[in-house]
Amino acid sequence: MGFAHQIDIFIPYLGVKYLNAKSKI
């Protein structure tokens, strides 16, 4: 259960980092 919860947070976190990187370029 803890692992699934981490994935749930990690996926949107990656998306935010990706969007931030795109907006910087």
C-alpha atoms as a PDB file:
ATOM      1  CA  MET A   1       0.000   0.000   0.000  1.00  0.00           C
ATOM      2  CA  GLY A   2       2.840   2.364   0.851  1.00  0.00           C
ATOM      3  CA  PHE A   3       4.515   1.653  -2.495  1.00  0.00           C
ATOM      4  CA  ALA A   4       1.369   2.386  -4.493  1.00  0.00           C
ATOM      5  CA  HIS A   5       0.972   5.633  -2.561  1.00  0.00           C
ATOM      6  CA  GLN A   6       4.534   6.641  -3.433  1.00  0.00           C
ATOM      7  CA  ILE A   7       3.887   5.967  -7.132  1.00  0.00           C
ATOM      8  CA  ASP A   8       0.719   8.078  -6.889  1.00  0.00           C
ATOM      9  CA  ILE A   9       2.828  11.025  -5.709  1.00  0.00           C
ATOM     10  CA  PHE A  10       5.872  10.301  -7.886  1.00  0.00           C
ATOM     11  CA  ILE A  11       4.067  10.296 -11.256  1.00  0.00           C
ATOM     12  CA  PRO A  12       2.562  13.824 -10.912  1.00  0.00           C
ATOM     13  CA  TYR A  13       5.916  15.004  -9.512  1.00  0.00           C
ATOM     14  CA  LEU A  14       7.666  13.842 -12.679  1.00  0.00           C
ATOM     15  CA  GLY A  15       5.008  15.588 -14.752  1.00  0.00           C
ATOM     16  CA  VAL A  16       5.604  18.872 -12.923  1.00  0.00           C
ATOM     17  CA  LYS A  17       9.376  18.612 -13.404  1.00  0.00           C
ATOM     18  CA  TYR A  18       8.819  17.886 -17.092  1.00  0.00           C
ATOM     19  CA  LEU A  19       6.540  20.885 -17.543  1.00  0.00           C
ATOM     20  CA  ASN A  20       9.008  23.128 -15.685  1.00  0.00           C
ATOM     21  CA  ALA A  21      11.840  21.984 -17.943  1.00  0.00           C
ATOM     22  CA  LYS A  22       9.722  22.617 -21.049  1.00  0.00           C
ATOM     23  CA  SER A  23       8.741  26.130 -19.981  1.00  0.00           C
ATOM     24  CA  LYS A  24      12.387  27.057 -19.312  1.00  0.00           C
ATOM     25  CA  ILE A  25      13.460  26.301 -22.869  1.00  0.00           C
END
